Amino acid sequence: MTMREDGILDKQEEPFVEMSPEDAASLGVAEGDWVRLVSRRGEIQARAAIGDRVYPGLVWMALHFAESRVNLLTNDVGDSLIGIPEYKVCAIRIEPVRSALQPAAR
């Protein structure tokens, strides 16, 4: 629903995964590189955004980019007490994408 907001793509045109400089360095990932995020439920690819807004060992992705399909990594459990989806948190593995078959940039 967020994508229906006028002007949202003016700020950010494509999905990304934000990670710490420490995690990026340990994976050999640079700003803008494609990475694969894998959970026990699925896998997706996104560009790396490296910064100090997330702690080492954690990553962050916006849910509003439909093409990123980040919900494939999480689950659809709801909070039975208040009737809303649970906060989207799950364990993942991140791998650098080192293939000529990377997704096309948008």
PDB file of N, CA and C in Angstrom:
ATOM      1  N   MET A   1       0.815  -1.196   0.000  1.00  0.00           N
ATOM      2  CA  MET A   1       0.000   0.000   0.000  1.00  0.00           C
ATOM      3  C   MET A   1       0.860   1.262   0.000  1.00  0.00           C
ATOM      4  N   THR A   2       2.057   1.187   0.575  1.00  0.00           N
ATOM      5  CA  THR A   2       2.924   2.355   0.612  1.00  0.00           C
ATOM      6  C   THR A   2       3.269   2.838  -0.782  1.00  0.00           C
ATOM      7  N   MET A   3       3.397   1.914  -1.730  1.00  0.00           N
ATOM      8  CA  MET A   3       3.787   2.288  -3.087  1.00  0.00           C
ATOM      9  C   MET A   3       2.733   3.135  -3.787  1.00  0.00           C
ATOM     10  N   ARG A   4       1.544   3.195  -3.239  1.00  0.00           N
ATOM     11  CA  ARG A   4       0.494   4.029  -3.830  1.00  0.00           C
ATOM     12  C   ARG A   4       0.673   5.505  -3.479  1.00  0.00           C
ATOM     13  N   GLU A   5       1.589   5.800  -2.568  1.00  0.00           N
ATOM     14  CA  GLU A   5       1.834   7.169  -2.128  1.00  0.00           C
ATOM     15  C   GLU A   5       2.591   7.934  -3.212  1.00  0.00           C
ATOM     16  N   ASP A   6       2.050   9.076  -3.615  1.00  0.00           N
ATOM     17  CA  ASP A   6       2.711   9.901  -4.624  1.00  0.00           C
ATOM     18  C   ASP A   6       4.112  10.293  -4.164  1.00  0.00           C
ATOM     19  N   GLY A   7       5.066  10.163  -5.070  1.00  0.00           N
ATOM     20  CA  GLY A   7       6.416  10.642  -4.798  1.00  0.00           C
ATOM     21  C   GLY A   7       7.343   9.689  -4.080  1.00  0.00           C
ATOM     22  N   ILE A   8       6.861   8.529  -3.643  1.00  0.00           N
ATOM     23  CA  ILE A   8       7.739   7.644  -2.865  1.00  0.00           C
ATOM     24  C   ILE A   8       8.919   7.144  -3.695  1.00  0.00           C
ATOM     25  N   LEU A   9       8.713   6.915  -4.984  1.00  0.00           N
ATOM     26  CA  LEU A   9       9.818   6.443  -5.828  1.00  0.00           C
ATOM     27  C   LEU A   9      10.812   7.560  -6.148  1.00  0.00           C
ATOM     28  N   ASP A  10      10.456   8.804  -5.869  1.00  0.00           N
ATOM     29  CA  ASP A  10      11.405   9.900  -6.048  1.00  0.00           C
ATOM     30  C   ASP A  10      12.534   9.804  -5.032  1.00  0.00           C
ATOM     31  N   LYS A  11      12.256   9.239  -3.885  1.00  0.00           N
ATOM     32  CA  LYS A  11      13.277   9.101  -2.842  1.00  0.00           C
ATOM     33  C   LYS A  11      14.118   7.842  -3.034  1.00  0.00           C
ATOM     34  N   GLN A  12      13.499   6.757  -3.455  1.00  0.00           N
ATOM     35  CA  GLN A  12      14.205   5.484  -3.621  1.00  0.00           C
ATOM     36  C   GLN A  12      13.519   4.700  -4.722  1.00  0.00           C
ATOM     37  N   GLU A  13      14.248   4.433  -5.810  1.00  0.00           N
ATOM     38  CA  GLU A  13      13.632   3.801  -6.975  1.00  0.00           C
ATOM     39  C   GLU A  13      13.590   2.289  -6.937  1.00  0.00           C
ATOM     40  N   GLU A  14      14.499   1.666  -6.208  1.00  0.00           N
ATOM     41  CA  GLU A  14      14.536   0.203  -6.225  1.00  0.00           C
ATOM     42  C   GLU A  14      14.781  -0.347  -4.835  1.00  0.00           C
ATOM     43  N   PRO A  15      14.427  -1.605  -4.617  1.00  0.00           N
ATOM     44  CA  PRO A  15      14.626  -2.212  -3.309  1.00  0.00           C
ATOM     45  C   PRO A  15      16.110  -2.377  -2.994  1.00  0.00           C
ATOM     46  N   PHE A  16      16.406  -2.392  -1.713  1.00  0.00           N
ATOM     47  CA  PHE A  16      17.777  -2.565  -1.247  1.00  0.00           C
ATOM     48  C   PHE A  16      17.762  -3.256   0.105  1.00  0.00           C
ATOM     49  N   VAL A  17      18.898  -3.791   0.488  1.00  0.00           N
ATOM     50  CA  VAL A  17      19.073  -4.344   1.821  1.00  0.00           C
ATOM     51  C   VAL A  17      20.168  -3.534   2.493  1.00  0.00           C
ATOM     52  N   GLU A  18      19.857  -2.996   3.641  1.00  0.00           N
ATOM     53  CA  GLU A  18      20.830  -2.183   4.365  1.00  0.00           C
ATOM     54  C   GLU A  18      21.601  -3.074   5.332  1.00  0.00           C
ATOM     55  N   MET A  19      22.943  -2.957   5.290  1.00  0.00           N
ATOM     56  CA  MET A  19      23.800  -3.764   6.164  1.00  0.00           C
ATOM     57  C   MET A  19      24.944  -2.914   6.697  1.00  0.00           C
ATOM     58  N   SER A  20      25.560  -3.405   7.754  1.00  0.00           N
ATOM     59  CA  SER A  20      26.655  -2.673   8.386  1.00  0.00           C
ATOM     60  C   SER A  20      27.930  -2.781   7.544  1.00  0.00           C
ATOM     61  N   PRO A  21      28.832  -1.823   7.690  1.00  0.00           N
ATOM     62  CA  PRO A  21      30.114  -1.901   6.988  1.00  0.00           C
ATOM     63  C   PRO A  21      30.903  -3.154   7.367  1.00  0.00           C
ATOM     64  N   GLU A  22      30.797  -3.559   8.628  1.00  0.00           N
ATOM     65  CA  GLU A  22      31.514  -4.756   9.082  1.00  0.00           C
ATOM     66  C   GLU A  22      31.019  -6.009   8.367  1.00  0.00           C
ATOM     67  N   ASP A  23      29.698  -6.158   8.267  1.00  0.00           N
ATOM     68  CA  ASP A  23      29.139  -7.328   7.583  1.00  0.00           C
ATOM     69  C   ASP A  23      29.460  -7.301   6.096  1.00  0.00           C
ATOM     70  N   ALA A  24      29.365  -6.129   5.487  1.00  0.00           N
ATOM     71  CA  ALA A  24      29.672  -6.011   4.064  1.00  0.00           C
ATOM     72  C   ALA A  24      31.133  -6.398   3.805  1.00  0.00           C
ATOM     73  N   ALA A  25      32.033  -5.913   4.646  1.00  0.00           N
ATOM     74  CA  ALA A  25      33.457  -6.227   4.473  1.00  0.00           C
ATOM     75  C   ALA A  25      33.717  -7.719   4.628  1.00  0.00           C
ATOM     76  N   SER A  26      33.063  -8.346   5.604  1.00  0.00           N
ATOM     77  CA  SER A  26      33.292  -9.784   5.816  1.00  0.00           C
ATOM     78  C   SER A  26      32.773 -10.630   4.655  1.00  0.00           C
ATOM     79  N   LEU A  27      31.788 -10.109   3.914  1.00  0.00           N
ATOM     80  CA  LEU A  27      31.239 -10.813   2.754  1.00  0.00           C
ATOM     81  C   LEU A  27      31.909 -10.402   1.448  1.00  0.00           C
ATOM     82  N   GLY A  28      32.731  -9.363   1.494  1.00  0.00           N
ATOM     83  CA  GLY A  28      33.340  -8.845   0.268  1.00  0.00           C
ATOM     84  C   GLY A  28      32.339  -8.117  -0.602  1.00  0.00           C
ATOM     85  N   VAL A  29      31.387  -7.449   0.024  1.00  0.00           N
ATOM     86  CA  VAL A  29      30.304  -6.760  -0.679  1.00  0.00           C
ATOM     87  C   VAL A  29      30.544  -5.254  -0.623  1.00  0.00           C
ATOM     88  N   ALA A  30      30.389  -4.580  -1.745  1.00  0.00           N
ATOM     89  CA  ALA A  30      30.516  -3.128  -1.819  1.00  0.00           C
ATOM     90  C   ALA A  30      29.143  -2.500  -2.032  1.00  0.00           C
ATOM     91  N   GLU A  31      29.049  -1.215  -1.796  1.00  0.00           N
ATOM     92  CA  GLU A  31      27.812  -0.455  -2.011  1.00  0.00           C
ATOM     93  C   GLU A  31      27.277  -0.722  -3.424  1.00  0.00           C
ATOM     94  N   GLY A  32      26.008  -1.110  -3.512  1.00  0.00           N
ATOM     95  CA  GLY A  32      25.364  -1.335  -4.803  1.00  0.00           C
ATOM     96  C   GLY A  32      25.526  -2.731  -5.373  1.00  0.00           C
ATOM     97  N   ASP A  33      26.358  -3.568  -4.750  1.00  0.00           N
ATOM     98  CA  ASP A  33      26.497  -4.959  -5.216  1.00  0.00           C
ATOM     99  C   ASP A  33      25.205  -5.718  -4.984  1.00  0.00           C
ATOM    100  N   TRP A  34      24.952  -6.706  -5.836  1.00  0.00           N
ATOM    101  CA  TRP A  34      23.806  -7.593  -5.637  1.00  0.00           C
ATOM    102  C   TRP A  34      24.167  -8.649  -4.602  1.00  0.00           C
ATOM    103  N   VAL A  35      23.215  -8.922  -3.694  1.00  0.00           N
ATOM    104  CA  VAL A  35      23.370  -9.990  -2.709  1.00  0.00           C
ATOM    105  C   VAL A  35      22.127 -10.866  -2.732  1.00  0.00           C
ATOM    106  N   ARG A  36      22.296 -12.097  -2.331  1.00  0.00           N
ATOM    107  CA  ARG A  36      21.175 -13.044  -2.207  1.00  0.00           C
ATOM    108  C   ARG A  36      20.868 -13.190  -0.723  1.00  0.00           C
ATOM    109  N   LEU A  37      19.607 -13.054  -0.367  1.00  0.00           N
ATOM    110  CA  LEU A  37      19.156 -13.241   1.008  1.00  0.00           C
ATOM    111  C   LEU A  37      18.355 -14.531   1.042  1.00  0.00           C
ATOM    112  N   VAL A  38      18.741 -15.446   1.908  1.00  0.00           N
ATOM    113  CA  VAL A  38      18.129 -16.774   1.955  1.00  0.00           C
ATOM    114  C   VAL A  38      17.614 -17.037   3.370  1.00  0.00           C
ATOM    115  N   SER A  39      16.344 -17.412   3.469  1.00  0.00           N
ATOM    116  CA  SER A  39      15.775 -17.864   4.741  1.00  0.00           C
ATOM    117  C   SER A  39      15.262 -19.280   4.531  1.00  0.00           C
ATOM    118  N   ARG A  40      14.733 -19.876   5.562  1.00  0.00           N
ATOM    119  CA  ARG A  40      14.194 -21.236   5.395  1.00  0.00           C
ATOM    120  C   ARG A  40      12.908 -21.236   4.578  1.00  0.00           C
ATOM    121  N   ARG A  41      12.351 -20.055   4.302  1.00  0.00           N
ATOM    122  CA  ARG A  41      11.101 -19.952   3.551  1.00  0.00           C
ATOM    123  C   ARG A  41      11.286 -19.580   2.086  1.00  0.00           C
ATOM    124  N   GLY A  42      12.453 -18.998   1.747  1.00  0.00           N
ATOM    125  CA  GLY A  42      12.660 -18.578   0.369  1.00  0.00           C
ATOM    126  C   GLY A  42      13.939 -17.784   0.211  1.00  0.00           C
ATOM    127  N   GLU A  43      14.115 -17.234  -0.976  1.00  0.00           N
ATOM    128  CA  GLU A  43      15.283 -16.396  -1.233  1.00  0.00           C
ATOM    129  C   GLU A  43      14.936 -15.295  -2.214  1.00  0.00           C
ATOM    130  N   ILE A  44      15.629 -14.170  -2.078  1.00  0.00           N
ATOM    131  CA  ILE A  44      15.453 -13.028  -2.955  1.00  0.00           C
ATOM    132  C   ILE A  44      16.820 -12.404  -3.204  1.00  0.00           C
ATOM    133  N   GLN A  45      16.880 -11.463  -4.133  1.00  0.00           N
ATOM    134  CA  GLN A  45      18.101 -10.705  -4.374  1.00  0.00           C
ATOM    135  C   GLN A  45      17.801  -9.224  -4.265  1.00  0.00           C
ATOM    136  N   ALA A  46      18.798  -8.468  -3.798  1.00  0.00           N
ATOM    137  CA  ALA A  46      18.654  -7.018  -3.667  1.00  0.00           C
ATOM    138  C   ALA A  46      20.038  -6.386  -3.725  1.00  0.00           C
ATOM    139  N   ARG A  47      20.050  -5.099  -3.959  1.00  0.00           N
ATOM    140  CA  ARG A  47      21.319  -4.361  -3.927  1.00  0.00           C
ATOM    141  C   ARG A  47      21.689  -4.031  -2.487  1.00  0.00           C
ATOM    142  N   ALA A  48      22.978  -4.052  -2.202  1.00  0.00           N
ATOM    143  CA  ALA A  48      23.470  -3.733  -0.862  1.00  0.00           C
ATOM    144  C   ALA A  48      23.567  -2.223  -0.677  1.00  0.00           C
ATOM    145  N   ALA A  49      23.075  -1.766   0.451  1.00  0.00           N
ATOM    146  CA  ALA A  49      23.254  -0.379   0.887  1.00  0.00           C
ATOM    147  C   ALA A  49      24.001  -0.452   2.209  1.00  0.00           C
ATOM    148  N   ILE A  50      25.201   0.084   2.235  1.00  0.00           N
ATOM    149  CA  ILE A  50      26.057  -0.071   3.405  1.00  0.00           C
ATOM    150  C   ILE A  50      26.030   1.207   4.219  1.00  0.00           C
ATOM    151  N   GLY A  51      25.765   1.068   5.513  1.00  0.00           N
ATOM    152  CA  GLY A  51      25.700   2.240   6.371  1.00  0.00           C
ATOM    153  C   GLY A  51      25.689   1.853   7.832  1.00  0.00           C
ATOM    154  N   ASP A  52      25.677   2.853   8.670  1.00  0.00           N
ATOM    155  CA  ASP A  52      25.767   2.600  10.110  1.00  0.00           C
ATOM    156  C   ASP A  52      24.417   2.651  10.822  1.00  0.00           C
ATOM    157  N   ARG A  53      23.317   2.524  10.073  1.00  0.00           N
ATOM    158  CA  ARG A  53      21.991   2.556  10.705  1.00  0.00           C
ATOM    159  C   ARG A  53      21.556   1.190  11.225  1.00  0.00           C
ATOM    160  N   VAL A  54      22.268   0.130  10.846  1.00  0.00           N
ATOM    161  CA  VAL A  54      21.955  -1.206  11.370  1.00  0.00           C
ATOM    162  C   VAL A  54      23.193  -1.755  12.067  1.00  0.00           C
ATOM    163  N   TYR A  55      22.970  -2.554  13.086  1.00  0.00           N
ATOM    164  CA  TYR A  55      24.075  -3.159  13.828  1.00  0.00           C
ATOM    165  C   TYR A  55      24.661  -4.328  13.045  1.00  0.00           C
ATOM    166  N   PRO A  56      25.934  -4.619  13.265  1.00  0.00           N
ATOM    167  CA  PRO A  56      26.506  -5.831  12.659  1.00  0.00           C
ATOM    168  C   PRO A  56      25.679  -7.063  13.056  1.00  0.00           C
ATOM    169  N   GLY A  57      25.466  -7.936  12.095  1.00  0.00           N
ATOM    170  CA  GLY A  57      24.665  -9.137  12.338  1.00  0.00           C
ATOM    171  C   GLY A  57      23.194  -8.962  12.017  1.00  0.00           C
ATOM    172  N   LEU A  58      22.780  -7.730  11.704  1.00  0.00           N
ATOM    173  CA  LEU A  58      21.392  -7.449  11.348  1.00  0.00           C
ATOM    174  C   LEU A  58      21.344  -6.791   9.977  1.00  0.00           C
ATOM    175  N   VAL A  59      20.229  -6.943   9.284  1.00  0.00           N
ATOM    176  CA  VAL A  59      19.985  -6.224   8.032  1.00  0.00           C
ATOM    177  C   VAL A  59      18.580  -5.651   8.094  1.00  0.00           C
ATOM    178  N   TRP A  60      18.291  -4.730   7.170  1.00  0.00           N
ATOM    179  CA  TRP A  60      16.964  -4.119   7.113  1.00  0.00           C
ATOM    180  C   TRP A  60      16.555  -3.991   5.656  1.00  0.00           C
ATOM    181  N   MET A  61      15.286  -4.276   5.385  1.00  0.00           N
ATOM    182  CA  MET A  61      14.703  -4.064   4.062  1.00  0.00           C
ATOM    183  C   MET A  61      13.322  -3.455   4.215  1.00  0.00           C
ATOM    184  N   ALA A  62      12.984  -2.558   3.293  1.00  0.00           N
ATOM    185  CA  ALA A  62      11.629  -1.994   3.259  1.00  0.00           C
ATOM    186  C   ALA A  62      10.684  -3.040   2.690  1.00  0.00           C
ATOM    187  N   LEU A  63       9.491  -3.097   3.222  1.00  0.00           N
ATOM    188  CA  LEU A  63       8.496  -4.063   2.759  1.00  0.00           C
ATOM    189  C   LEU A  63       7.679  -3.548   1.582  1.00  0.00           C
ATOM    190  N   HIS A  64       7.744  -2.260   1.275  1.00  0.00           N
ATOM    191  CA  HIS A  64       6.813  -1.697   0.304  1.00  0.00           C
ATOM    192  C   HIS A  64       7.205  -1.894  -1.153  1.00  0.00           C
ATOM    193  N   PHE A  65       8.386  -2.413  -1.451  1.00  0.00           N
ATOM    194  CA  PHE A  65       8.752  -2.683  -2.838  1.00  0.00           C
ATOM    195  C   PHE A  65       8.218  -4.058  -3.228  1.00  0.00           C
ATOM    196  N   ALA A  66       7.151  -4.090  -3.965  1.00  0.00           N
ATOM    197  CA  ALA A  66       6.535  -5.370  -4.333  1.00  0.00           C
ATOM    198  C   ALA A  66       7.512  -6.264  -5.085  1.00  0.00           C
ATOM    199  N   GLU A  67       8.367  -5.663  -5.938  1.00  0.00           N
ATOM    200  CA  GLU A  67       9.280  -6.474  -6.735  1.00  0.00           C
ATOM    201  C   GLU A  67      10.386  -7.120  -5.911  1.00  0.00           C
ATOM    202  N   SER A  68      10.643  -6.629  -4.703  1.00  0.00           N
ATOM    203  CA  SER A  68      11.688  -7.257  -3.887  1.00  0.00           C
ATOM    204  C   SER A  68      11.192  -8.553  -3.254  1.00  0.00           C
ATOM    205  N   ARG A  69       9.889  -8.667  -3.100  1.00  0.00           N
ATOM    206  CA  ARG A  69       9.276  -9.888  -2.569  1.00  0.00           C
ATOM    207  C   ARG A  69       9.862 -10.298  -1.214  1.00  0.00           C
ATOM    208  N   VAL A  70      10.192  -9.319  -0.381  1.00  0.00           N
ATOM    209  CA  VAL A  70      10.803  -9.611   0.914  1.00  0.00           C
ATOM    210  C   VAL A  70       9.913 -10.502   1.779  1.00  0.00           C
ATOM    211  N   ASN A  71       8.602 -10.472   1.537  1.00  0.00           N
ATOM    212  CA  ASN A  71       7.712 -11.340   2.316  1.00  0.00           C
ATOM    213  C   ASN A  71       7.949 -12.823   2.050  1.00  0.00           C
ATOM    214  N   LEU A  72       8.662 -13.154   0.970  1.00  0.00           N
ATOM    215  CA  LEU A  72       9.013 -14.560   0.746  1.00  0.00           C
ATOM    216  C   LEU A  72       9.961 -15.077   1.823  1.00  0.00           C
ATOM    217  N   LEU A  73      10.677 -14.186   2.476  1.00  0.00           N
ATOM    218  CA  LEU A  73      11.631 -14.595   3.509  1.00  0.00           C
ATOM    219  C   LEU A  73      10.975 -14.763   4.864  1.00  0.00           C
ATOM    220  N   THR A  74       9.887 -14.061   5.078  1.00  0.00           N
ATOM    221  CA  THR A  74       9.251 -14.040   6.398  1.00  0.00           C
ATOM    222  C   THR A  74       8.027 -14.954   6.396  1.00  0.00           C
ATOM    223  N   ASN A  75       7.164 -14.783   7.381  1.00  0.00           N
ATOM    224  CA  ASN A  75       5.942 -15.593   7.403  1.00  0.00           C
ATOM    225  C   ASN A  75       4.728 -14.686   7.501  1.00  0.00           C
ATOM    226  N   ASP A  76       3.561 -15.277   7.424  1.00  0.00           N
ATOM    227  CA  ASP A  76       2.332 -14.479   7.436  1.00  0.00           C
ATOM    228  C   ASP A  76       1.559 -14.615   8.747  1.00  0.00           C
ATOM    229  N   VAL A  77       2.290 -14.847   9.822  1.00  0.00           N
ATOM    230  CA  VAL A  77       1.659 -14.976  11.135  1.00  0.00           C
ATOM    231  C   VAL A  77       1.099 -13.633  11.562  1.00  0.00           C
ATOM    232  N   GLY A  78      -0.072 -13.664  12.170  1.00  0.00           N
ATOM    233  CA  GLY A  78      -0.679 -12.444  12.681  1.00  0.00           C
ATOM    234  C   GLY A  78      -0.683 -12.433  14.192  1.00  0.00           C
ATOM    235  N   ASP A  79      -0.789 -11.265  14.745  1.00  0.00           N
ATOM    236  CA  ASP A  79      -0.909 -11.107  16.188  1.00  0.00           C
ATOM    237  C   ASP A  79      -2.372 -11.329  16.540  1.00  0.00           C
ATOM    238  N   SER A  80      -2.665 -12.409  17.228  1.00  0.00           N
ATOM    239  CA  SER A  80      -4.061 -12.765  17.503  1.00  0.00           C
ATOM    240  C   SER A  80      -4.728 -11.805  18.482  1.00  0.00           C
ATOM    241  N   LEU A  81      -3.966 -11.119  19.285  1.00  0.00           N
ATOM    242  CA  LEU A  81      -4.544 -10.207  20.268  1.00  0.00           C
ATOM    243  C   LEU A  81      -5.081  -8.936  19.625  1.00  0.00           C
ATOM    244  N   ILE A  82      -4.315  -8.341  18.705  1.00  0.00           N
ATOM    245  CA  ILE A  82      -4.752  -7.078  18.109  1.00  0.00           C
ATOM    246  C   ILE A  82      -5.067  -7.178  16.622  1.00  0.00           C
ATOM    247  N   GLY A  83      -4.882  -8.364  16.030  1.00  0.00           N
ATOM    248  CA  GLY A  83      -5.324  -8.604  14.663  1.00  0.00           C
ATOM    249  C   GLY A  83      -4.507  -7.946  13.566  1.00  0.00           C
ATOM    250  N   ILE A  84      -3.228  -7.742  13.791  1.00  0.00           N
ATOM    251  CA  ILE A  84      -2.364  -7.180  12.746  1.00  0.00           C
ATOM    252  C   ILE A  84      -1.233  -8.166  12.457  1.00  0.00           C
ATOM    253  N   PRO A  85      -0.572  -8.035  11.307  1.00  0.00           N
ATOM    254  CA  PRO A  85       0.561  -8.914  11.030  1.00  0.00           C
ATOM    255  C   PRO A  85       1.669  -8.700  12.058  1.00  0.00           C
ATOM    256  N   GLU A  86       2.374  -9.792  12.375  1.00  0.00           N
ATOM    257  CA  GLU A  86       3.479  -9.638  13.308  1.00  0.00           C
ATOM    258  C   GLU A  86       4.601  -8.853  12.641  1.00  0.00           C
ATOM    259  N   TYR A  87       5.458  -8.286  13.442  1.00  0.00           N
ATOM    260  CA  TYR A  87       6.613  -7.568  12.923  1.00  0.00           C
ATOM    261  C   TYR A  87       7.458  -8.556  12.133  1.00  0.00           C
ATOM    262  N   LYS A  88       7.901  -8.172  10.942  1.00  0.00           N
ATOM    263  CA  LYS A  88       8.603  -9.085  10.042  1.00  0.00           C
ATOM    264  C   LYS A  88      10.059  -9.247  10.450  1.00  0.00           C
ATOM    265  N   VAL A  89      10.350 -10.324  11.150  1.00  0.00           N
ATOM    266  CA  VAL A  89      11.699 -10.621  11.608  1.00  0.00           C
ATOM    267  C   VAL A  89      11.974 -12.083  11.285  1.00  0.00           C
ATOM    268  N   CYS A  90      13.151 -12.373  10.717  1.00  0.00           N
ATOM    269  CA  CYS A  90      13.510 -13.762  10.483  1.00  0.00           C
ATOM    270  C   CYS A  90      15.025 -13.885  10.328  1.00  0.00           C
ATOM    271  N   ALA A  91      15.521 -15.079  10.511  1.00  0.00           N
ATOM    272  CA  ALA A  91      16.942 -15.359  10.315  1.00  0.00           C
ATOM    273  C   ALA A  91      17.197 -15.544   8.822  1.00  0.00           C
ATOM    274  N   ILE A  92      18.298 -14.971   8.335  1.00  0.00           N
ATOM    275  CA  ILE A  92      18.667 -15.121   6.926  1.00  0.00           C
ATOM    276  C   ILE A  92      20.162 -15.367   6.805  1.00  0.00           C
ATOM    277  N   ARG A  93      20.533 -15.831   5.642  1.00  0.00           N
ATOM    278  CA  ARG A  93      21.940 -15.934   5.241  1.00  0.00           C
ATOM    279  C   ARG A  93      22.104 -15.001   4.053  1.00  0.00           C
ATOM    280  N   ILE A  94      23.212 -14.283   3.998  1.00  0.00           N
ATOM    281  CA  ILE A  94      23.479 -13.374   2.880  1.00  0.00           C
ATOM    282  C   ILE A  94      24.683 -13.890   2.114  1.00  0.00           C
ATOM    283  N   GLU A  95      24.542 -13.908   0.786  1.00  0.00           N
ATOM    284  CA  GLU A  95      25.619 -14.349  -0.095  1.00  0.00           C
ATOM    285  C   GLU A  95      25.816 -13.300  -1.182  1.00  0.00           C
ATOM    286  N   PRO A  96      27.059 -12.974  -1.495  1.00  0.00           N
ATOM    287  CA  PRO A  96      27.283 -12.098  -2.647  1.00  0.00           C
ATOM    288  C   PRO A  96      26.834 -12.797  -3.927  1.00  0.00           C
ATOM    289  N   VAL A  97      26.286 -12.048  -4.863  1.00  0.00           N
ATOM    290  CA  VAL A  97      25.900 -12.595  -6.161  1.00  0.00           C
ATOM    291  C   VAL A  97      27.056 -12.323  -7.110  1.00  0.00           C
ATOM    292  N   ARG A  98      27.680 -13.356  -7.588  1.00  0.00           N
ATOM    293  CA  ARG A  98      28.840 -13.212  -8.467  1.00  0.00           C
ATOM    294  C   ARG A  98      28.561 -13.897  -9.794  1.00  0.00           C
ATOM    295  N   SER A  99      27.471 -13.477 -10.427  1.00  0.00           N
ATOM    296  CA  SER A  99      27.037 -14.125 -11.652  1.00  0.00           C
ATOM    297  C   SER A  99      26.696 -13.088 -12.711  1.00  0.00           C
ATOM    298  N   ALA A 100      26.876 -13.457 -13.945  1.00  0.00           N
ATOM    299  CA  ALA A 100      26.473 -12.586 -15.050  1.00  0.00           C
ATOM    300  C   ALA A 100      24.951 -12.537 -15.171  1.00  0.00           C
ATOM    301  N   LEU A 101      24.258 -13.383 -14.442  1.00  0.00           N
ATOM    302  CA  LEU A 101      22.801 -13.451 -14.534  1.00  0.00           C
ATOM    303  C   LEU A 101      22.130 -12.647 -13.417  1.00  0.00           C
ATOM    304  N   GLN A 102      22.750 -11.571 -12.965  1.00  0.00           N
ATOM    305  CA  GLN A 102      22.161 -10.739 -11.931  1.00  0.00           C
ATOM    306  C   GLN A 102      20.893 -10.090 -12.452  1.00  0.00           C
ATOM    307  N   PRO A 103      19.971  -9.785 -11.556  1.00  0.00           N
ATOM    308  CA  PRO A 103      18.743  -9.114 -11.995  1.00  0.00           C
ATOM    309  C   PRO A 103      19.068  -7.785 -12.661  1.00  0.00           C
ATOM    310  N   ALA A 104      18.268  -7.399 -13.618  1.00  0.00           N
ATOM    311  CA  ALA A 104      18.473  -6.126 -14.310  1.00  0.00           C
ATOM    312  C   ALA A 104      18.162  -4.977 -13.369  1.00  0.00           C
ATOM    313  N   ALA A 105      18.955  -3.933 -13.441  1.00  0.00           N
ATOM    314  CA  ALA A 105      18.703  -2.743 -12.621  1.00  0.00           C
ATOM    315  C   ALA A 105      17.437  -2.068 -13.133  1.00  0.00           C
ATOM    316  N   ARG A 106      16.697  -1.462 -12.249  1.00  0.00           N
ATOM    317  CA  ARG A 106      15.452  -0.779 -12.618  1.00  0.00           C
ATOM    318  C   ARG A 106      15.705   0.672 -12.838  1.00  0.00           C
TER     319      ARG A 106
END
